[in-house]
N, C-alpha and C. Protein backbone atom coordinates (compact mmCIF):
# COMPACT_ATOMS: atom_id res chain seq x y z
N UNK A 1 0.85 -1.16 -0.01
CA UNK A 1 0.00 0.01 0.01
C UNK A 1 0.89 1.25 0.00
N UNK A 2 0.62 2.15 -0.89
CA UNK A 2 1.44 3.37 -0.90
C UNK A 2 0.53 4.56 -0.54
N UNK A 3 1.12 5.55 0.11
CA UNK A 3 0.40 6.70 0.53
C UNK A 3 0.95 7.89 -0.31
N UNK A 4 0.04 8.70 -0.76
CA UNK A 4 0.35 9.82 -1.64
C UNK A 4 1.19 10.85 -0.88
N UNK A 5 2.12 11.56 -1.59
CA UNK A 5 2.95 12.54 -0.97
C UNK A 5 2.30 13.76 -0.43
N UNK A 6 1.11 14.05 -0.94
CA UNK A 6 0.43 15.27 -0.52
C UNK A 6 -0.05 15.22 0.94
N UNK A 7 0.00 14.06 1.54
CA UNK A 7 -0.43 13.93 2.94
C UNK A 7 0.73 14.17 3.93
N UNK A 8 1.90 14.42 3.38
CA UNK A 8 3.09 14.59 4.27
C UNK A 8 3.72 15.96 4.00
N UNK A 9 4.24 16.55 5.01
CA UNK A 9 4.99 17.79 4.87
C UNK A 9 6.41 17.50 4.56
N UNK A 10 6.97 18.16 3.52
CA UNK A 10 8.39 17.97 3.20
C UNK A 10 9.21 18.79 4.17
N UNK A 11 10.18 18.13 4.75
CA UNK A 11 11.01 18.82 5.80
C UNK A 11 12.36 19.13 5.19
N UNK A 12 12.86 20.25 5.54
CA UNK A 12 14.20 20.65 5.08
C UNK A 12 15.24 20.31 6.13
N UNK A 13 16.50 20.38 5.74
CA UNK A 13 17.59 20.16 6.68
C UNK A 13 17.58 21.19 7.80
N UNK A 14 17.23 22.42 7.42
CA UNK A 14 17.13 23.49 8.42
C UNK A 14 16.19 23.12 9.57
N UNK A 15 15.00 22.63 9.17
CA UNK A 15 13.97 22.31 10.12
C UNK A 15 14.47 21.16 11.07
N UNK A 16 15.07 20.14 10.48
CA UNK A 16 15.50 19.01 11.28
C UNK A 16 16.61 19.37 12.29
N UNK A 17 17.56 20.20 11.87
CA UNK A 17 18.62 20.59 12.73
C UNK A 17 18.10 21.48 13.86
N UNK A 18 17.26 22.42 13.50
CA UNK A 18 16.70 23.31 14.55
C UNK A 18 15.79 22.54 15.51
N UNK A 19 15.00 21.59 15.03
CA UNK A 19 14.17 20.79 15.92
C UNK A 19 14.98 19.99 16.90
N UNK A 20 16.13 19.44 16.44
CA UNK A 20 16.97 18.64 17.35
C UNK A 20 17.50 19.53 18.43
N UNK A 21 17.97 20.72 18.14
CA UNK A 21 18.55 21.64 19.13
C UNK A 21 17.43 22.14 20.08
N UNK A 22 16.30 22.44 19.54
CA UNK A 22 15.21 22.96 20.36
C UNK A 22 14.65 21.86 21.28
N UNK A 23 14.65 20.63 20.82
CA UNK A 23 14.12 19.59 21.77
C UNK A 23 15.10 19.39 22.91
N UNK A 24 16.40 19.57 22.65
CA UNK A 24 17.41 19.46 23.76
C UNK A 24 17.15 20.59 24.75
N UNK A 25 16.87 21.80 24.25
CA UNK A 25 16.62 22.96 25.12
C UNK A 25 15.38 22.71 25.94
N UNK A 26 14.31 22.20 25.32
CA UNK A 26 13.10 21.97 26.05
C UNK A 26 13.29 20.89 27.10
N UNK A 27 14.11 19.91 26.85
CA UNK A 27 14.42 18.90 27.86
C UNK A 27 15.07 19.54 29.09
N UNK A 28 16.01 20.43 28.85
CA UNK A 28 16.66 21.17 29.98
C UNK A 28 15.66 22.02 30.70
N UNK A 29 14.74 22.64 29.99
CA UNK A 29 13.70 23.48 30.59
C UNK A 29 12.81 22.66 31.51
N UNK A 30 12.40 21.49 31.03
CA UNK A 30 11.58 20.62 31.86
C UNK A 30 12.32 20.14 33.15
N UNK A 31 13.57 19.78 32.97
CA UNK A 31 14.38 19.36 34.11
C UNK A 31 14.51 20.44 35.16
N UNK A 32 14.74 21.68 34.69
CA UNK A 32 14.85 22.78 35.63
C UNK A 32 13.55 23.02 36.36
N UNK A 33 12.43 22.91 35.59
CA UNK A 33 11.13 23.15 36.24
C UNK A 33 10.84 22.06 37.32
N UNK A 34 11.24 20.81 37.01
CA UNK A 34 11.04 19.76 37.96
C UNK A 34 11.84 19.97 39.21
N UNK A 35 13.11 20.42 39.06
CA UNK A 35 13.93 20.67 40.24
C UNK A 35 13.41 21.82 41.07
N UNK A 36 12.92 22.87 40.36
CA UNK A 36 12.34 24.00 41.12
C UNK A 36 11.11 23.58 41.93
N UNK A 37 10.27 22.73 41.31
CA UNK A 37 9.08 22.25 42.03
C UNK A 37 9.49 21.41 43.25
N UNK A 38 10.52 20.57 43.08
CA UNK A 38 10.97 19.78 44.21
C UNK A 38 11.59 20.63 45.29
N UNK A 39 12.26 21.71 44.84
CA UNK A 39 12.88 22.65 45.77
C UNK A 39 11.85 23.33 46.64
N UNK A 40 10.70 23.66 46.04
CA UNK A 40 9.63 24.32 46.78
C UNK A 40 9.06 23.46 47.89
N UNK A 41 9.10 22.12 47.68
CA UNK A 41 8.55 21.20 48.67
C UNK A 41 9.52 20.96 49.88
N UNK A 42 10.78 21.32 49.70
CA UNK A 42 11.75 21.06 50.76
C UNK A 42 11.79 22.19 51.76
N UNK A 43 12.32 21.91 52.91
CA UNK A 43 12.54 22.95 53.92
C UNK A 43 13.73 23.80 53.54
N UNK A 44 13.87 24.94 54.27
CA UNK A 44 14.97 25.87 53.92
C UNK A 44 16.33 25.24 54.11
N UNK A 45 16.48 24.37 55.08
CA UNK A 45 17.79 23.71 55.28
C UNK A 45 18.14 22.76 54.16
N UNK A 46 17.15 22.14 53.53
CA UNK A 46 17.42 21.15 52.44
C UNK A 46 17.46 21.76 51.09
N UNK A 47 16.98 23.01 50.95
CA UNK A 47 16.99 23.68 49.60
C UNK A 47 18.37 23.90 49.03
N UNK A 48 19.35 24.12 49.91
CA UNK A 48 20.70 24.45 49.43
C UNK A 48 21.30 23.30 48.62
N UNK A 49 20.77 22.09 48.80
CA UNK A 49 21.28 20.96 48.04
C UNK A 49 20.88 21.07 46.53
N UNK A 50 19.71 21.51 46.30
CA UNK A 50 19.17 21.55 44.88
C UNK A 50 19.62 22.83 44.17
N UNK A 51 19.90 23.88 44.89
CA UNK A 51 20.18 25.18 44.24
C UNK A 51 21.37 25.14 43.29
N UNK A 52 22.48 24.45 43.59
CA UNK A 52 23.54 24.38 42.61
C UNK A 52 23.18 23.60 41.33
N UNK A 53 22.33 22.58 41.50
CA UNK A 53 21.88 21.87 40.31
C UNK A 53 20.98 22.70 39.43
N UNK A 54 20.13 23.51 40.03
CA UNK A 54 19.30 24.41 39.24
C UNK A 54 20.12 25.48 38.54
N UNK A 55 21.15 25.99 39.23
CA UNK A 55 22.05 26.97 38.63
C UNK A 55 22.82 26.36 37.45
N UNK A 56 23.25 25.14 37.61
CA UNK A 56 23.95 24.46 36.51
C UNK A 56 23.06 24.28 35.28
N UNK A 57 21.82 23.89 35.57
CA UNK A 57 20.87 23.70 34.43
C UNK A 57 20.60 25.03 33.74
N UNK A 58 20.47 26.10 34.50
CA UNK A 58 20.26 27.44 33.91
C UNK A 58 21.44 27.85 33.05
N UNK A 59 22.68 27.53 33.50
CA UNK A 59 23.85 27.88 32.67
C UNK A 59 23.84 27.03 31.34
N UNK A 60 23.49 25.78 31.46
CA UNK A 60 23.37 24.91 30.25
C UNK A 60 22.30 25.43 29.32
N UNK A 61 21.18 25.87 29.88
CA UNK A 61 20.09 26.43 29.06
C UNK A 61 20.56 27.66 28.32
N UNK A 62 21.28 28.55 29.02
CA UNK A 62 21.80 29.76 28.37
C UNK A 62 22.74 29.40 27.24
N UNK A 63 23.61 28.48 27.46
CA UNK A 63 24.54 28.04 26.41
C UNK A 63 23.75 27.48 25.22
N UNK A 64 22.78 26.64 25.49
CA UNK A 64 22.01 26.05 24.41
C UNK A 64 21.19 27.06 23.68
N UNK A 65 20.60 28.06 24.42
CA UNK A 65 19.86 29.14 23.76
C UNK A 65 20.76 30.00 22.86
N UNK A 66 21.99 30.19 23.30
CA UNK A 66 22.97 30.91 22.49
C UNK A 66 23.30 30.19 21.19
N UNK A 67 23.48 28.87 21.30
CA UNK A 67 23.73 28.05 20.12
C UNK A 67 22.53 28.06 19.15
N UNK A 68 21.35 28.01 19.71
CA UNK A 68 20.16 28.00 18.89
C UNK A 68 20.01 29.33 18.15
N UNK A 69 20.25 30.43 18.84
CA UNK A 69 20.12 31.71 18.20
C UNK A 69 21.18 31.92 17.10
N UNK A 70 22.40 31.41 17.35
CA UNK A 70 23.44 31.52 16.32
C UNK A 70 23.08 30.65 15.13
N UNK A 71 22.55 29.50 15.33
CA UNK A 71 22.13 28.62 14.22
C UNK A 71 20.97 29.23 13.47
N UNK A 72 20.04 29.88 14.15
CA UNK A 72 18.91 30.50 13.51
C UNK A 72 19.36 31.68 12.65
N UNK A 73 20.41 32.37 13.10
CA UNK A 73 20.97 33.49 12.27
C UNK A 73 21.48 32.97 10.97
N UNK A 74 22.12 31.77 11.00
CA UNK A 74 22.66 31.21 9.79
C UNK A 74 21.58 30.64 8.86
N UNK A 75 20.56 30.05 9.45
CA UNK A 75 19.56 29.32 8.63
C UNK A 75 18.41 30.17 8.18
N UNK A 76 18.02 31.18 8.96
CA UNK A 76 16.86 32.03 8.58
C UNK A 76 17.33 33.47 8.38
N UNK A 77 17.29 33.95 7.14
CA UNK A 77 17.77 35.29 6.89
C UNK A 77 16.99 36.42 7.62
N UNK A 78 15.73 36.21 7.88
CA UNK A 78 14.88 37.25 8.50
C UNK A 78 15.02 37.25 10.03
N UNK A 79 15.72 36.29 10.61
CA UNK A 79 15.80 36.18 12.05
C UNK A 79 16.35 37.44 12.70
N UNK A 80 17.50 37.94 12.21
CA UNK A 80 18.11 39.14 12.80
C UNK A 80 17.20 40.32 12.73
N UNK A 81 16.48 40.48 11.62
CA UNK A 81 15.56 41.59 11.48
C UNK A 81 14.43 41.45 12.51
N UNK A 82 13.91 40.26 12.71
CA UNK A 82 12.81 40.07 13.68
C UNK A 82 13.30 40.34 15.12
N UNK A 83 14.53 39.97 15.41
CA UNK A 83 15.08 40.25 16.74
C UNK A 83 15.13 41.79 16.98
N UNK A 84 15.49 42.51 15.98
CA UNK A 84 15.50 43.99 16.11
C UNK A 84 14.12 44.57 16.16
N UNK A 85 13.18 44.07 15.36
CA UNK A 85 11.83 44.61 15.35
C UNK A 85 11.14 44.35 16.70
N UNK A 86 11.33 43.18 17.24
CA UNK A 86 10.70 42.80 18.54
C UNK A 86 11.47 43.35 19.74
N UNK A 87 12.65 43.79 19.54
CA UNK A 87 13.50 44.35 20.65
C UNK A 87 13.88 43.35 21.67
N UNK A 88 14.27 42.16 21.24
CA UNK A 88 14.66 41.10 22.18
C UNK A 88 16.13 40.78 22.09
N UNK A 89 16.94 41.73 21.73
CA UNK A 89 18.36 41.49 21.46
C UNK A 89 19.12 40.92 22.63
N UNK A 90 18.80 41.29 23.84
CA UNK A 90 19.53 40.83 25.03
C UNK A 90 18.98 39.55 25.68
N UNK A 91 17.78 39.13 25.35
CA UNK A 91 17.20 38.01 26.05
C UNK A 91 17.37 36.74 25.26
N UNK A 92 18.18 35.83 25.84
CA UNK A 92 18.47 34.53 25.18
C UNK A 92 17.20 33.67 25.10
N UNK A 93 16.39 33.70 26.15
CA UNK A 93 15.13 32.85 26.11
C UNK A 93 14.19 33.35 25.03
N UNK A 94 14.07 34.65 24.84
CA UNK A 94 13.20 35.17 23.85
C UNK A 94 13.71 34.83 22.44
N UNK A 95 15.04 34.94 22.26
CA UNK A 95 15.61 34.60 20.98
C UNK A 95 15.45 33.16 20.65
N UNK A 96 15.53 32.27 21.66
CA UNK A 96 15.32 30.84 21.43
C UNK A 96 13.84 30.60 21.07
N UNK A 97 12.91 31.24 21.77
CA UNK A 97 11.49 31.04 21.43
C UNK A 97 11.17 31.53 20.04
N UNK A 98 11.81 32.63 19.64
CA UNK A 98 11.59 33.14 18.27
C UNK A 98 12.16 32.13 17.24
N UNK A 99 13.32 31.55 17.53
CA UNK A 99 13.88 30.57 16.60
C UNK A 99 12.99 29.36 16.49
N UNK A 100 12.41 28.92 17.61
CA UNK A 100 11.51 27.80 17.56
C UNK A 100 10.24 28.11 16.80
N UNK A 101 9.74 29.33 17.00
CA UNK A 101 8.53 29.77 16.30
C UNK A 101 8.79 29.86 14.79
N UNK A 102 9.96 30.27 14.42
CA UNK A 102 10.30 30.44 12.99
C UNK A 102 10.38 29.10 12.26
N UNK A 103 10.68 28.03 13.00
CA UNK A 103 10.71 26.71 12.36
C UNK A 103 9.31 26.29 11.91
N UNK A 104 8.28 26.80 12.54
CA UNK A 104 6.90 26.47 12.22
C UNK A 104 6.25 27.48 11.20
N UNK A 105 6.79 28.68 11.16
CA UNK A 105 6.18 29.72 10.34
C UNK A 105 6.42 29.46 8.90
N UNK A 106 5.38 29.51 8.08
CA UNK A 106 5.47 29.37 6.62
C UNK A 106 4.78 30.55 6.02
N UNK A 107 5.56 31.39 5.33
CA UNK A 107 5.00 32.64 4.80
C UNK A 107 4.13 32.37 3.57
N UNK A 108 4.09 31.11 3.09
CA UNK A 108 3.22 30.81 1.94
C UNK A 108 1.76 30.74 2.39
N UNK A 109 1.55 30.50 3.67
CA UNK A 109 0.16 30.40 4.18
C UNK A 109 -0.40 31.74 4.49
N UNK A 110 -1.70 31.81 4.53
CA UNK A 110 -2.36 33.07 4.81
C UNK A 110 -2.31 33.38 6.32
N UNK A 111 -2.65 34.61 6.69
CA UNK A 111 -2.69 35.01 8.09
C UNK A 111 -3.60 34.15 8.88
N UNK A 112 -4.76 33.84 8.30
CA UNK A 112 -5.80 33.04 9.01
C UNK A 112 -5.27 31.64 9.31
N UNK A 113 -4.58 31.03 8.32
CA UNK A 113 -4.04 29.66 8.54
C UNK A 113 -2.97 29.63 9.65
N UNK A 114 -2.09 30.63 9.60
CA UNK A 114 -1.06 30.70 10.66
C UNK A 114 -1.70 30.94 12.01
N UNK A 115 -2.66 31.81 12.06
CA UNK A 115 -3.33 32.12 13.32
C UNK A 115 -4.01 30.88 13.89
N UNK A 116 -4.74 30.20 13.02
CA UNK A 116 -5.44 28.99 13.43
C UNK A 116 -4.48 27.88 13.84
N UNK A 117 -3.34 27.74 13.13
CA UNK A 117 -2.34 26.73 13.50
C UNK A 117 -1.80 26.97 14.92
N UNK A 118 -1.72 28.20 15.33
CA UNK A 118 -1.26 28.51 16.66
C UNK A 118 -2.37 28.59 17.68
N UNK A 119 -3.58 28.25 17.28
CA UNK A 119 -4.68 28.22 18.22
C UNK A 119 -5.28 29.56 18.63
N UNK A 120 -5.16 30.58 17.73
CA UNK A 120 -5.64 31.90 18.05
C UNK A 120 -6.97 32.19 17.32
N UNK A 121 -7.89 31.25 17.34
CA UNK A 121 -9.15 31.49 16.68
C UNK A 121 -10.20 31.98 17.67
N UNK A 122 -11.25 32.53 17.15
CA UNK A 122 -12.36 32.97 17.97
C UNK A 122 -13.01 31.73 18.60
N UNK A 123 -13.48 31.90 19.82
CA UNK A 123 -13.99 30.69 20.55
C UNK A 123 -15.40 30.40 20.13
N UNK A 124 -15.54 29.36 19.34
CA UNK A 124 -16.84 28.74 19.14
C UNK A 124 -16.62 27.25 19.07
N UNK A 125 -17.49 26.52 19.56
CA UNK A 125 -17.22 25.08 19.70
C UNK A 125 -17.43 24.26 18.49
N UNK A 126 -17.88 24.90 17.39
CA UNK A 126 -18.09 24.12 16.18
C UNK A 126 -16.82 23.82 15.42
N UNK A 127 -15.83 24.75 15.49
CA UNK A 127 -14.58 24.63 14.72
C UNK A 127 -13.65 23.60 15.36
N UNK A 128 -13.09 22.72 14.57
CA UNK A 128 -12.13 21.74 15.00
C UNK A 128 -10.87 21.93 14.20
N UNK A 129 -10.11 23.01 14.49
CA UNK A 129 -8.91 23.29 13.72
C UNK A 129 -7.76 22.48 14.29
N UNK A 130 -6.78 22.20 13.41
CA UNK A 130 -5.56 21.63 13.90
C UNK A 130 -4.70 22.70 14.48
N UNK A 131 -4.13 22.44 15.64
CA UNK A 131 -3.22 23.42 16.17
C UNK A 131 -1.96 22.71 16.74
N UNK A 132 -0.92 23.41 16.79
CA UNK A 132 0.35 22.89 17.25
C UNK A 132 0.61 23.35 18.66
N UNK A 133 0.70 22.43 19.59
CA UNK A 133 0.93 22.75 20.99
C UNK A 133 2.27 23.35 21.22
N UNK A 134 3.32 22.76 20.55
CA UNK A 134 4.66 23.23 20.79
C UNK A 134 4.87 24.61 20.20
N UNK A 135 4.28 24.94 19.05
CA UNK A 135 4.41 26.25 18.41
C UNK A 135 3.69 27.26 19.31
N UNK A 136 2.52 26.90 19.84
CA UNK A 136 1.78 27.80 20.66
C UNK A 136 2.58 28.11 21.96
N UNK A 137 3.23 27.12 22.56
CA UNK A 137 4.00 27.36 23.72
C UNK A 137 5.21 28.25 23.43
N UNK A 138 5.81 28.08 22.26
CA UNK A 138 6.95 28.97 21.91
C UNK A 138 6.42 30.39 21.72
N UNK A 139 5.24 30.60 21.15
CA UNK A 139 4.67 31.93 21.03
C UNK A 139 4.38 32.50 22.41
N UNK A 140 3.88 31.71 23.34
CA UNK A 140 3.59 32.14 24.69
C UNK A 140 4.87 32.54 25.43
N UNK A 141 5.95 31.72 25.30
CA UNK A 141 7.20 32.02 25.96
C UNK A 141 7.81 33.34 25.40
N UNK A 142 7.66 33.55 24.10
CA UNK A 142 8.16 34.76 23.47
C UNK A 142 7.35 35.97 23.99
N UNK A 143 6.05 35.84 24.07
CA UNK A 143 5.18 36.91 24.54
C UNK A 143 5.45 37.27 26.00
N UNK A 144 5.66 36.24 26.81
CA UNK A 144 5.94 36.45 28.24
C UNK A 144 7.26 37.22 28.42
N UNK A 145 8.27 36.85 27.64
CA UNK A 145 9.58 37.54 27.79
C UNK A 145 9.50 38.98 27.30
N UNK A 146 8.67 39.26 26.33
CA UNK A 146 8.52 40.61 25.80
C UNK A 146 7.61 41.45 26.74
N UNK A 147 6.48 40.88 27.12
CA UNK A 147 5.44 41.61 27.94
C UNK A 147 5.66 41.54 29.42
N UNK A 148 6.64 40.84 29.88
CA UNK A 148 6.96 40.69 31.31
C UNK A 148 5.78 40.13 32.11
N UNK A 149 5.32 38.98 31.79
CA UNK A 149 4.32 38.19 32.56
C UNK A 149 2.92 38.76 32.59
N UNK A 150 2.63 39.78 31.80
CA UNK A 150 1.27 40.29 31.75
C UNK A 150 0.73 39.98 30.36
N UNK A 151 0.51 38.75 30.10
CA UNK A 151 0.14 38.29 28.77
C UNK A 151 -1.37 38.10 28.64
N UNK A 152 -1.88 38.58 27.52
CA UNK A 152 -3.27 38.38 27.18
C UNK A 152 -3.32 37.81 25.75
N UNK A 153 -4.48 37.33 25.35
CA UNK A 153 -4.65 36.76 24.05
C UNK A 153 -4.36 37.77 22.91
N UNK A 154 -4.71 39.02 23.17
CA UNK A 154 -4.43 40.07 22.17
C UNK A 154 -2.94 40.30 21.98
N UNK A 155 -2.17 40.10 23.09
CA UNK A 155 -0.75 40.25 22.97
C UNK A 155 -0.13 39.17 22.10
N UNK A 156 -0.63 37.91 22.29
CA UNK A 156 -0.15 36.83 21.44
C UNK A 156 -0.41 37.14 19.94
N UNK A 157 -1.62 37.58 19.67
CA UNK A 157 -1.99 37.90 18.31
C UNK A 157 -1.19 39.08 17.75
N UNK A 158 -0.92 40.04 18.58
CA UNK A 158 -0.17 41.24 18.10
C UNK A 158 1.29 40.85 17.77
N UNK A 159 1.92 40.07 18.59
CA UNK A 159 3.31 39.64 18.34
C UNK A 159 3.35 38.73 17.10
N UNK A 160 2.39 37.83 16.98
CA UNK A 160 2.35 36.96 15.84
C UNK A 160 2.15 37.75 14.58
N UNK A 161 1.30 38.78 14.62
CA UNK A 161 1.05 39.64 13.43
C UNK A 161 2.30 40.37 13.06
N UNK A 162 3.06 40.85 14.04
CA UNK A 162 4.34 41.58 13.78
C UNK A 162 5.31 40.62 13.08
N UNK A 163 5.39 39.42 13.58
CA UNK A 163 6.31 38.42 12.98
C UNK A 163 5.90 38.10 11.57
N UNK A 164 4.61 37.85 11.42
CA UNK A 164 4.09 37.44 10.07
C UNK A 164 4.27 38.55 9.03
N UNK A 165 3.94 39.79 9.42
CA UNK A 165 4.09 40.91 8.47
C UNK A 165 5.55 41.17 8.15
N UNK A 166 6.43 41.04 9.12
CA UNK A 166 7.86 41.23 8.90
C UNK A 166 8.35 40.17 7.91
N UNK A 167 7.95 38.93 8.16
CA UNK A 167 8.38 37.84 7.27
C UNK A 167 7.83 38.03 5.82
N UNK A 168 6.59 38.48 5.73
CA UNK A 168 5.99 38.70 4.42
C UNK A 168 6.68 39.84 3.71
N UNK A 169 7.01 40.93 4.38
CA UNK A 169 7.70 42.04 3.71
C UNK A 169 9.13 41.67 3.31
N UNK A 170 9.79 40.80 4.11
CA UNK A 170 11.10 40.33 3.76
C UNK A 170 11.04 39.48 2.49
N UNK A 171 10.04 38.67 2.38
CA UNK A 171 9.88 37.78 1.22
C UNK A 171 9.60 38.54 -0.06
N UNK A 172 8.67 39.51 0.01
CA UNK A 172 8.30 40.27 -1.18
C UNK A 172 9.21 41.45 -1.45
N UNK A 173 9.99 41.89 -0.49
CA UNK A 173 10.84 43.04 -0.66
C UNK A 173 10.18 44.32 -0.24
N UNK A 174 10.91 45.42 -0.33
CA UNK A 174 10.31 46.72 0.08
C UNK A 174 9.28 47.19 -0.92
N UNK A 175 8.27 47.86 -0.46
CA UNK A 175 7.26 48.35 -1.37
C UNK A 175 7.81 49.44 -2.31
N UNK A 176 7.25 49.54 -3.48
CA UNK A 176 7.76 50.49 -4.46
C UNK A 176 7.22 51.89 -4.21
């Protein structure tokens, strides 16, 4: 039995390399969160045991985020422009979240398809759109680092619209 090619997304080398690096970063992120949760359950005298491990994981996460942002600069030409437009030049976590989000962004799709893919549709229970949980989480992490923990749905949509319009103008070139 053979399955037609139209049912599968063709993946590039850029996508595969970035996904491998991003999955390693997310693994470190989960480990750090688990240690922080365990640290909250301990008494003050026992917390000092876990604090060096958390600090070491944060250092590894920063190194990995730096590698991801450097790789994104090489693989995506619009990445540097988006970093400047969003004003996230100093934040490694925000740059990593933008790199992860760019692996999912396809400028060939319309604004509505991109919005729906990230789960930003109007709430009615009839629609059953496909959405990507990992791409949505990357957008949320990016929004939280930009808006400093005061995130609303409109903020997600605003940042996504900025990214999408910047990518579209990069693709078509400057207006005449």
